[in-house]
Amino acid sequence: MIDDTICAVATAHGVGGIAIVRVSGEEALNIALKLTNKKSLTPRYATLSTLKDSNNQILDEAIVIYFKAPNSYTKEDVVEFQCHGGLMVANLVIKEILKLGARVAKPGEFTKRAFLNGRIDLSKAEATMSLIEAKSEDAALILARQLKGELKEFVDELREKLVEILAFIEVNIDYAEEDLPNSLQDEIKQKLSFISNKLEKSLNISKSRVGLIDGFKVAIVGKPNVGKSSLLNSLLSYDRAIISKIAGTTRDTIEESLKIGSHLVKIVDTAGVRDSKDDIEKIGIQRSLDAIKDAQIIIALFDQSRAVDDSDMKILNILNQYRDKKKIFVLLNKNDLESKFDKKKLTNFTPISTNTKTSQKIVLNLLKEYLDTQNLDQDIMLISQNQIGAVQETLNAIAEAKTNMDENELELFAFNINEAIESITKITKPFQRDEILDKMFSNFCLGK
């Protein structure tokens, strides 16, 4: 049981119309009564109150709302003081609350208490933290679904099936003399395949659409002096990158964020890819290759006013490596000049004729149309490395379990399923061993 009382300003620092000071813990109500000089507060009722310090000095006139445990965010007594905005007023109220016995909350401690007290599970806690920092509408919508318990329901369903499988197997191990259906092994394999397919689908979706949460990364690539920096400046609507006719002007990657429709996009202008003896330029080229590897979308620029050369072919070879893994847009730049580029070299791609200085809308529309297709609908998506890691561990344990079942190593199989259960529940809540006993006795009449 957590017996101390915490407080913090729950709104962003700075000038504003309102500043909310939140208090949670056993002494929250007593502190509020002393600050307001009232004998009682009606739960969930907004009360206009004058806040005074221990010297009877008026601090502010504020709205006070009392949330009686367990009907609060932390499942503890919680009081919120809606003060006038600005740092000074909120700080004065916090200072007085500290005198009355509370302490300053640590980062995320209100949500931590909500989790420890059973108000939310780990998936909702992570969604809460991420929602606060959401930078796009896509992220906000996905995280809101997790707050409603979508991921928890998904995990609980698969966890339930794993617990059932473990119960069947442990009965088979401990009560081998009992008659069990001959089809039991096939039934277990079917259930494991169902679980694996569900998890693999979620894992693949989450990896391929990570940009919905963190922002899609778009790498602009090409050989030197094809117009990459001009395209970046055009998309940003200001001169972010230096433009020069001198090849190799961009020696390092330049990254900027851009909102396209409801999507957050991180655009990376890369150094021109070519063979170079310059040590500094080599470092820039390597960073360009790293940016291509990390990006979900590649915009490849070619200069159609120049004949295809070795540097162009090097870019094409890179694109061919990723054409089945990433979305690639191929732009033939400088369409206002005579075309000398052999388009037959682009047989695996559909090139788009552009001019990076004037085709801003064309490129933005291409990106928006593609990004709009990445919306998740009702697919389950993992939002953190913790969740992705837990699912991967679960899949690994299930794969080992299948191998051990084929070899009739039931004790090892049971161990693997235990591992799978423990891994999947890292997303939401700890695994309780007593559930195995409940499943065993509810599903089997052993007569013993």
Protein backbone atom coordinates (compact mmCIF):
# COMPACT_ATOMS: atom_id res chain seq x y z
CA MET A 1 0.00 0.00 0.00
CA ILE A 2 1.35 3.41 -0.95
CA ASP A 3 0.88 5.64 2.10
CA ASP A 4 2.45 8.94 1.06
CA THR A 5 0.70 11.79 -0.74
CA ILE A 6 2.06 13.31 -3.94
CA CYS A 7 1.38 16.52 -5.82
CA ALA A 8 2.33 18.14 -9.11
CA VAL A 9 1.22 20.63 -11.72
CA ALA A 10 -0.67 18.56 -14.30
CA THR A 11 -0.75 21.18 -17.05
CA ALA A 12 2.09 22.45 -19.20
CA HIS A 13 4.28 25.17 -17.74
CA GLY A 14 3.85 28.67 -19.10
CA VAL A 15 1.23 31.38 -19.43
CA GLY A 16 -2.30 30.07 -19.92
CA GLY A 17 -5.90 30.38 -18.85
CA ILE A 18 -5.70 27.58 -16.30
CA ALA A 19 -3.16 25.57 -14.31
CA ILE A 20 -4.23 22.30 -12.70
CA VAL A 21 -2.53 21.16 -9.51
CA ARG A 22 -3.18 17.49 -8.76
CA VAL A 23 -2.84 15.77 -5.37
CA SER A 24 -3.13 12.01 -4.81
CA GLY A 25 -2.90 9.93 -1.65
CA GLU A 26 -4.31 9.38 1.83
CA GLU A 27 -3.95 13.02 2.86
CA ALA A 28 -5.28 14.56 -0.37
CA LEU A 29 -8.71 15.38 1.07
CA ASN A 30 -7.36 16.72 4.37
CA ILE A 31 -4.92 18.96 2.50
CA ALA A 32 -7.73 20.26 0.30
CA LEU A 33 -9.95 20.99 3.32
CA LYS A 34 -7.17 22.96 4.99
CA LEU A 35 -6.43 24.96 1.83
CA THR A 36 -10.10 25.77 1.23
CA ASN A 37 -11.06 26.12 4.91
CA LYS A 38 -14.03 23.82 4.32
CA LYS A 39 -15.42 21.00 6.43
CA SER A 40 -16.19 18.72 3.47
CA LEU A 41 -16.06 18.43 -0.31
CA THR A 42 -18.67 16.61 -2.38
CA PRO A 43 -17.00 13.97 -4.59
CA ARG A 44 -16.99 14.79 -8.32
CA TYR A 45 -18.54 18.21 -7.69
CA ALA A 46 -16.80 21.38 -8.85
CA THR A 47 -16.53 23.79 -5.93
CA LEU A 48 -15.43 27.41 -6.29
CA SER A 49 -13.09 28.00 -3.38
CA THR A 50 -10.69 30.58 -2.03
CA LEU A 51 -7.30 29.01 -1.38
CA LYS A 52 -5.37 30.35 1.62
CA ASP A 53 -1.99 29.57 3.13
CA SER A 54 -1.22 28.88 6.79
CA ASN A 55 -1.03 32.65 7.45
CA ASN A 56 -4.53 33.13 6.05
CA GLN A 57 -3.06 34.83 2.99
CA ILE A 58 -5.17 34.39 -0.16
CA LEU A 59 -3.35 32.40 -2.81
CA ASP A 60 -6.00 32.16 -5.49
CA GLU A 61 -9.68 31.59 -6.20
CA ALA A 62 -9.93 28.18 -7.84
CA ILE A 63 -12.24 25.34 -8.82
CA VAL A 64 -11.65 22.35 -6.55
CA ILE A 65 -12.76 18.82 -7.51
CA TYR A 66 -12.49 15.85 -5.15
CA PHE A 67 -12.33 12.30 -6.55
CA LYS A 68 -12.97 9.82 -3.75
CA ALA A 69 -11.07 6.53 -3.86
CA PRO A 70 -11.35 4.18 -5.65
CA ASN A 71 -13.19 6.27 -8.27
CA SER A 72 -10.17 8.25 -9.42
CA TYR A 73 -7.32 7.97 -11.89
CA THR A 74 -4.96 6.50 -9.28
CA LYS A 75 -7.68 4.67 -7.27
CA GLU A 76 -6.56 6.87 -4.35
CA ASP A 77 -8.16 10.02 -3.02
CA VAL A 78 -7.39 12.67 -5.64
CA VAL A 79 -8.02 16.41 -5.52
CA GLU A 80 -7.53 18.77 -8.44
CA PHE A 81 -7.15 22.53 -8.01
CA GLN A 82 -7.97 24.43 -11.19
CA CYS A 83 -6.04 27.64 -10.58
CA HIS A 84 -5.46 30.67 -12.76
CA GLY A 85 -2.76 29.99 -15.37
CA GLY A 86 0.85 30.96 -14.99
CA LEU A 87 3.79 29.61 -13.02
CA MET A 88 3.52 31.79 -9.93
CA VAL A 89 0.01 30.89 -8.78
CA ALA A 90 0.49 27.14 -9.27
CA ASN A 91 3.86 27.25 -7.54
CA LEU A 92 2.38 29.06 -4.54
CA VAL A 93 -0.33 26.40 -4.24
CA ILE A 94 2.24 23.59 -4.59
CA LYS A 95 4.42 25.22 -1.92
CA GLU A 96 1.53 25.26 0.55
CA ILE A 97 0.54 21.66 -0.27
CA LEU A 98 4.11 20.57 0.50
CA LYS A 99 3.90 22.30 3.88
CA LEU A 100 0.74 20.32 4.60
CA GLY A 101 2.54 17.00 4.20
CA ALA A 102 2.63 16.05 0.53
CA ARG A 103 5.75 15.57 -1.58
CA VAL A 104 6.45 16.42 -5.21
CA ALA A 105 5.52 13.58 -7.55
CA LYS A 106 8.18 11.93 -9.67
CA PRO A 107 7.76 11.96 -13.48
CA GLY A 108 4.94 9.61 -14.42
CA GLU A 109 4.15 8.73 -10.80
CA PHE A 110 0.40 9.34 -11.04
CA THR A 111 0.19 6.84 -13.89
CA LYS A 112 2.55 4.49 -12.06
CA ARG A 113 0.18 4.52 -9.07
CA ALA A 114 -2.76 3.91 -11.39
CA PHE A 115 -0.96 0.79 -12.62
CA LEU A 116 0.16 -0.45 -9.19
CA ASN A 117 -3.33 0.03 -7.79
CA GLY A 118 -4.92 -1.92 -10.66
CA ARG A 119 -6.60 1.05 -12.31
CA ILE A 120 -4.83 0.43 -15.63
CA ASP A 121 -2.55 -2.25 -17.09
CA LEU A 122 0.88 -1.78 -18.65
CA SER A 123 -0.51 -1.35 -22.17
CA LYS A 124 -2.76 1.50 -21.04
CA ALA A 125 0.08 3.05 -19.03
CA GLU A 126 2.34 3.06 -22.10
CA ALA A 127 -0.49 4.45 -24.24
CA THR A 128 -1.07 7.23 -21.71
CA MET A 129 2.59 8.23 -21.73
CA SER A 130 2.78 8.13 -25.52
CA LEU A 131 -0.50 9.99 -26.05
CA ILE A 132 0.81 12.95 -24.10
CA GLU A 133 3.72 13.19 -26.55
CA ALA A 134 1.76 12.30 -29.70
CA LYS A 135 2.84 14.45 -32.65
CA SER A 136 0.28 13.35 -35.24
CA GLU A 137 -3.40 12.55 -35.55
CA ASP A 138 -2.51 8.98 -36.54
CA ALA A 139 -0.63 8.43 -33.30
CA ALA A 140 -3.39 9.99 -31.21
CA LEU A 141 -6.08 7.74 -32.74
CA ILE A 142 -4.03 4.54 -32.30
CA LEU A 143 -3.14 5.40 -28.71
CA ALA A 144 -6.74 6.30 -27.89
CA ARG A 145 -7.75 2.79 -28.99
CA GLN A 146 -5.19 1.30 -26.61
CA LEU A 147 -6.51 3.47 -23.79
CA LYS A 148 -9.92 1.90 -24.40
CA GLY A 149 -8.34 -1.52 -23.82
CA GLU A 150 -8.00 -2.82 -27.39
CA LEU A 151 -4.52 -4.25 -26.89
CA LYS A 152 -5.43 -5.62 -23.46
CA GLU A 153 -8.35 -7.56 -24.97
CA PHE A 154 -6.06 -8.90 -27.70
CA VAL A 155 -3.44 -10.05 -25.19
CA ASP A 156 -6.02 -11.49 -22.80
CA GLU A 157 -7.55 -13.58 -25.59
CA LEU A 158 -4.22 -15.12 -26.60
CA ARG A 159 -3.08 -15.49 -23.00
CA GLU A 160 -6.28 -17.38 -22.19
CA LYS A 161 -5.60 -19.83 -25.01
CA LEU A 162 -2.02 -20.39 -23.83
CA VAL A 163 -3.23 -21.04 -20.29
CA GLU A 164 -5.73 -23.60 -21.62
CA ILE A 165 -2.97 -25.36 -23.58
CA LEU A 166 -0.73 -25.46 -20.52
CA ALA A 167 -3.56 -26.88 -18.43
CA PHE A 168 -4.16 -29.67 -20.96
CA ILE A 169 -0.48 -30.59 -21.08
CA GLU A 170 0.10 -30.53 -17.33
CA VAL A 171 -2.91 -32.81 -16.87
CA ASN A 172 -1.39 -35.12 -19.46
CA ILE A 173 1.93 -35.13 -17.59
CA ASP A 174 0.57 -35.54 -14.06
CA TYR A 175 -2.37 -37.82 -14.81
CA ALA A 176 -1.09 -39.96 -17.64
CA GLU A 177 -3.31 -42.84 -16.61
CA GLU A 178 -6.43 -40.84 -17.37
CA ASP A 179 -8.03 -41.22 -20.77
CA LEU A 180 -7.56 -38.09 -22.89
CA PRO A 181 -8.89 -37.51 -26.39
CA ASN A 182 -6.60 -38.78 -29.16
CA SER A 183 -7.08 -35.50 -30.99
CA LEU A 184 -5.60 -33.46 -28.12
CA GLN A 185 -2.19 -32.97 -29.76
CA ASP A 186 -3.74 -31.83 -33.06
CA GLU A 187 -6.04 -29.46 -31.19
CA ILE A 188 -3.10 -27.92 -29.32
CA LYS A 189 -1.13 -27.48 -32.54
CA GLN A 190 -4.10 -25.71 -34.13
CA LYS A 191 -4.38 -23.37 -31.16
CA LEU A 192 -0.66 -22.61 -31.25
CA SER A 193 -0.84 -21.86 -34.98
CA PHE A 194 -3.79 -19.53 -34.38
CA ILE A 195 -1.85 -17.68 -31.66
CA SER A 196 1.33 -17.48 -33.77
CA ASN A 197 -0.54 -16.14 -36.80
CA LYS A 198 -2.22 -13.45 -34.72
CA LEU A 199 1.04 -12.37 -33.12
CA GLU A 200 3.03 -12.43 -36.37
CA LYS A 201 0.40 -10.31 -38.09
CA SER A 202 0.49 -7.74 -35.28
CA LEU A 203 4.29 -7.77 -35.21
CA ASN A 204 4.62 -7.28 -38.99
CA ILE A 205 2.04 -4.50 -39.03
CA SER A 206 3.77 -2.74 -36.16
CA LYS A 207 7.21 -2.91 -37.77
CA SER A 208 6.02 -1.80 -41.21
CA ARG A 209 3.83 1.03 -39.90
CA VAL A 210 5.98 2.32 -37.07
CA GLY A 211 5.83 5.70 -38.81
CA LEU A 212 2.22 6.10 -37.65
CA ILE A 213 3.56 6.57 -34.12
CA ASP A 214 7.05 8.04 -34.53
CA GLY A 215 6.60 9.69 -37.90
CA PHE A 216 7.35 8.23 -41.33
CA LYS A 217 10.96 8.65 -42.42
CA VAL A 218 11.44 9.75 -46.03
CA ALA A 219 14.95 9.64 -47.51
CA ILE A 220 15.71 11.81 -50.55
CA VAL A 221 18.51 10.07 -52.45
CA GLY A 222 20.43 10.51 -55.67
CA LYS A 223 23.85 11.29 -57.02
CA PRO A 224 25.35 14.74 -56.38
CA ASN A 225 23.72 17.80 -57.93
CA VAL A 226 20.43 16.19 -59.05
CA GLY A 227 18.22 18.53 -56.99
CA LYS A 228 17.82 16.77 -53.63
CA SER A 229 18.36 19.90 -51.56
CA SER A 230 16.08 21.90 -53.89
CA LEU A 231 13.35 19.32 -53.31
CA LEU A 232 13.80 19.51 -49.54
CA ASN A 233 13.58 23.30 -49.59
CA SER A 234 10.51 23.16 -51.81
CA LEU A 235 8.70 20.71 -49.52
CA LEU A 236 9.53 22.80 -46.44
CA SER A 237 8.69 26.07 -48.22
CA TYR A 238 11.91 27.68 -47.01
CA ASP A 239 15.64 27.42 -47.77
CA ARG A 240 16.77 24.83 -45.24
CA ALA A 241 19.60 23.32 -47.30
CA ILE A 242 22.40 25.09 -49.17
CA ILE A 243 21.98 24.87 -52.94
CA SER A 244 24.99 25.04 -55.24
CA LYS A 245 26.01 23.87 -58.69
CA ILE A 246 29.12 22.40 -57.06
CA ALA A 247 28.69 18.64 -56.74
CA GLY A 248 28.97 17.34 -53.17
CA THR A 249 27.75 20.53 -51.46
CA THR A 250 25.65 18.47 -49.03
CA ARG A 251 28.21 16.54 -46.98
CA ASP A 252 25.90 15.28 -44.22
CA THR A 253 22.24 14.28 -43.81
CA ILE A 254 19.74 17.03 -43.04
CA GLU A 255 16.55 15.98 -41.25
CA GLU A 256 13.39 18.07 -40.87
CA SER A 257 9.80 17.25 -39.81
CA LEU A 258 6.78 18.05 -41.94
CA LYS A 259 3.02 17.53 -41.52
CA ILE A 260 1.36 15.98 -44.58
CA GLY A 261 -2.37 15.61 -44.05
CA SER A 262 -2.73 13.84 -40.69
CA HIS A 263 0.74 12.31 -40.93
CA LEU A 264 4.03 13.33 -39.36
CA VAL A 265 6.91 12.93 -41.82
CA LYS A 266 10.63 13.20 -41.17
CA ILE A 267 12.34 14.15 -44.42
CA VAL A 268 16.06 13.39 -44.74
CA ASP A 269 18.15 15.12 -47.41
CA THR A 270 21.17 12.90 -47.99
CA ALA A 271 24.62 13.49 -49.37
CA GLY A 272 25.01 12.56 -53.02
CA VAL A 273 25.91 8.90 -53.49
CA ARG A 274 28.94 8.33 -55.72
CA ASP A 275 32.45 6.91 -55.58
CA SER A 276 34.64 9.41 -53.76
CA LYS A 277 38.21 9.60 -52.46
CA ASP A 278 37.38 12.46 -50.08
CA ASP A 279 37.32 11.04 -46.51
CA ILE A 280 34.72 13.56 -45.29
CA GLU A 281 32.47 12.92 -48.28
CA LYS A 282 32.80 9.16 -47.71
CA ILE A 283 31.40 9.60 -44.20
CA GLY A 284 28.48 11.59 -45.62
CA ILE A 285 27.79 8.91 -48.23
CA GLN A 286 27.77 6.19 -45.57
CA ARG A 287 25.26 8.22 -43.56
CA SER A 288 23.15 8.47 -46.71
CA LEU A 289 23.16 4.68 -47.01
CA ASP A 290 22.18 4.40 -43.33
CA ALA A 291 19.31 6.87 -43.89
CA ILE A 292 18.05 4.75 -46.81
CA LYS A 293 18.11 1.67 -44.59
CA ASP A 294 16.17 3.39 -41.79
CA ALA A 295 13.55 5.07 -44.01
CA GLN A 296 10.12 3.66 -44.80
CA ILE A 297 9.87 5.76 -47.97
CA ILE A 298 12.55 6.59 -50.53
CA ILE A 299 12.37 9.45 -53.01
CA ALA A 300 15.03 8.78 -55.66
CA LEU A 301 16.02 11.68 -57.93
CA PHE A 302 17.62 11.36 -61.34
CA ASP A 303 18.66 14.19 -63.65
CA GLN A 304 16.87 13.56 -66.94
CA SER A 305 18.94 16.24 -68.66
CA ARG A 306 22.07 14.06 -68.30
CA ALA A 307 22.89 10.60 -69.63
CA VAL A 308 22.91 7.66 -67.24
CA ASP A 309 26.32 7.22 -65.60
CA ASP A 310 27.94 4.93 -63.02
CA SER A 311 26.59 6.98 -60.10
CA ASP A 312 23.04 6.60 -61.44
CA MET A 313 23.54 2.86 -61.75
CA LYS A 314 24.81 2.72 -58.18
CA ILE A 315 21.61 4.42 -57.01
CA LEU A 316 19.52 1.99 -59.09
CA ASN A 317 21.30 -0.98 -57.54
CA ILE A 318 20.46 0.36 -54.08
CA LEU A 319 16.81 0.86 -55.04
CA ASN A 320 16.55 -2.68 -56.37
CA GLN A 321 17.74 -3.98 -53.00
CA TYR A 322 14.81 -2.29 -51.26
CA ARG A 323 12.03 -2.29 -53.86
CA ASP A 324 10.14 -5.14 -52.12
CA LYS A 325 10.72 -3.72 -48.63
CA LYS A 326 10.07 0.01 -48.92
CA LYS A 327 7.89 2.41 -50.87
CA ILE A 328 10.01 4.01 -53.58
CA PHE A 329 9.16 7.02 -55.71
CA VAL A 330 11.44 7.65 -58.70
CA LEU A 331 11.52 11.24 -59.94
CA LEU A 332 13.12 12.39 -63.19
CA ASN A 333 14.09 15.93 -62.31
CA LYS A 334 14.72 19.00 -64.50
CA ASN A 335 11.92 18.26 -66.98
CA ASP A 336 12.30 21.80 -68.32
CA LEU A 337 15.53 20.70 -70.01
CA GLU A 338 16.16 18.36 -72.94
CA SER A 339 15.85 14.72 -71.88
CA LYS A 340 19.03 12.60 -72.26
CA PHE A 341 18.25 9.99 -69.60
CA ASP A 342 17.70 6.41 -70.82
CA LYS A 343 14.38 5.49 -69.15
CA LYS A 344 14.87 1.84 -70.08
CA LYS A 345 17.25 1.64 -67.13
CA LEU A 346 14.23 2.15 -64.84
CA THR A 347 12.37 -1.01 -65.88
CA ASN A 348 11.50 -1.92 -62.27
CA PHE A 349 10.04 1.50 -61.49
CA THR A 350 7.52 3.98 -62.84
CA PRO A 351 9.36 7.30 -63.14
CA ILE A 352 7.56 10.61 -62.63
CA SER A 353 8.70 13.66 -64.60
CA THR A 354 9.16 16.64 -62.27
CA ASN A 355 10.97 19.84 -61.55
CA THR A 356 11.87 20.01 -57.86
CA LYS A 357 11.56 23.80 -57.83
CA THR A 358 7.98 23.82 -59.11
CA SER A 359 6.55 20.33 -58.46
CA GLN A 360 6.05 20.65 -54.71
CA LYS A 361 2.33 19.76 -54.86
CA ILE A 362 2.97 16.70 -57.04
CA VAL A 363 5.44 15.24 -54.55
CA LEU A 364 3.30 16.12 -51.52
CA ASN A 365 0.26 14.49 -53.14
CA LEU A 366 2.26 11.33 -53.91
CA LEU A 367 3.32 11.10 -50.29
CA LYS A 368 -0.14 11.85 -48.91
CA GLU A 369 -1.87 9.28 -51.12
CA TYR A 370 0.55 6.58 -50.00
CA LEU A 371 0.47 7.56 -46.32
CA ASP A 372 -3.34 7.54 -46.30
CA THR A 373 -3.22 3.86 -47.28
CA GLN A 374 -1.22 3.08 -44.13
CA ASN A 375 -4.14 3.72 -41.76
CA LEU A 376 -4.67 0.74 -39.51
CA ASP A 377 -8.45 0.36 -39.49
CA GLN A 378 -9.02 -2.34 -36.85
CA ASP A 379 -5.59 -3.98 -36.92
CA ILE A 380 -3.78 -4.35 -33.60
CA MET A 381 -0.58 -2.32 -33.44
CA LEU A 382 2.21 -2.44 -30.89
CA ILE A 383 3.41 1.00 -29.84
CA SER A 384 6.69 0.40 -28.02
CA GLN A 385 9.85 -1.68 -28.12
CA ASN A 386 8.73 -3.29 -24.87
CA GLN A 387 5.56 -4.59 -26.55
CA ILE A 388 7.37 -5.65 -29.73
CA GLY A 389 10.02 -7.45 -27.69
CA ALA A 390 7.38 -9.26 -25.62
CA VAL A 391 5.61 -10.50 -28.75
CA GLN A 392 8.87 -11.66 -30.32
CA GLU A 393 9.79 -13.57 -27.15
CA THR A 394 6.35 -15.19 -27.16
CA LEU A 395 6.74 -16.31 -30.77
CA ASN A 396 10.19 -17.75 -30.03
CA ALA A 397 8.83 -19.71 -27.07
CA ILE A 398 5.92 -21.07 -29.14
CA ALA A 399 8.31 -22.16 -31.91
CA GLU A 400 10.41 -24.09 -29.38
CA ALA A 401 7.23 -25.57 -27.88
CA LYS A 402 6.15 -26.94 -31.26
CA THR A 403 9.53 -28.60 -31.72
CA ASN A 404 9.36 -30.22 -28.29
CA MET A 405 5.81 -31.44 -28.89
CA ASP A 406 6.89 -33.12 -32.13
CA GLU A 407 9.61 -34.87 -30.14
CA ASN A 408 7.09 -35.79 -27.39
CA GLU A 409 9.09 -33.81 -24.81
CA LEU A 410 6.01 -32.72 -22.85
CA GLU A 411 7.90 -31.35 -19.83
CA LEU A 412 9.96 -29.08 -22.09
CA PHE A 413 6.81 -28.20 -24.03
CA ALA A 414 5.13 -27.10 -20.80
CA PHE A 415 8.22 -25.06 -19.89
CA ASN A 416 8.08 -23.29 -23.28
CA ILE A 417 4.38 -22.49 -22.91
CA ASN A 418 5.08 -21.07 -19.46
CA GLU A 419 7.71 -18.86 -21.09
CA ALA A 420 5.22 -17.78 -23.75
CA ILE A 421 2.64 -16.84 -21.11
CA GLU A 422 5.15 -14.87 -19.08
CA SER A 423 6.35 -13.07 -22.22
CA ILE A 424 2.93 -12.06 -23.56
CA THR A 425 1.80 -10.84 -20.15
CA LYS A 426 4.71 -8.40 -20.01
CA ILE A 427 2.47 -6.21 -22.18
CA THR A 428 -0.36 -6.05 -19.63
CA LYS A 429 0.04 -7.78 -16.25
CA PRO A 430 2.00 -10.48 -14.38
CA PHE A 431 1.06 -14.12 -14.86
CA GLN A 432 -0.56 -15.90 -11.91
CA ARG A 433 0.24 -19.59 -11.57
CA ASP A 434 -3.08 -20.25 -9.76
CA GLU A 435 -4.88 -19.79 -13.07
CA ILE A 436 -3.46 -23.12 -14.26
CA LEU A 437 -5.16 -24.91 -11.38
CA ASP A 438 -8.43 -23.12 -12.12
CA LYS A 439 -8.27 -24.23 -15.75
CA MET A 440 -7.36 -27.79 -14.84
CA PHE A 441 -10.29 -28.29 -12.48
CA SER A 442 -12.83 -26.39 -14.57
CA ASN A 443 -12.12 -28.24 -17.78
CA PHE A 444 -11.48 -31.76 -16.48
CA CYS A 445 -13.42 -34.00 -14.15
CA LEU A 446 -10.53 -36.07 -12.83
CA GLY A 447 -12.51 -37.91 -10.17
CA LYS A 448 -9.72 -37.63 -7.61
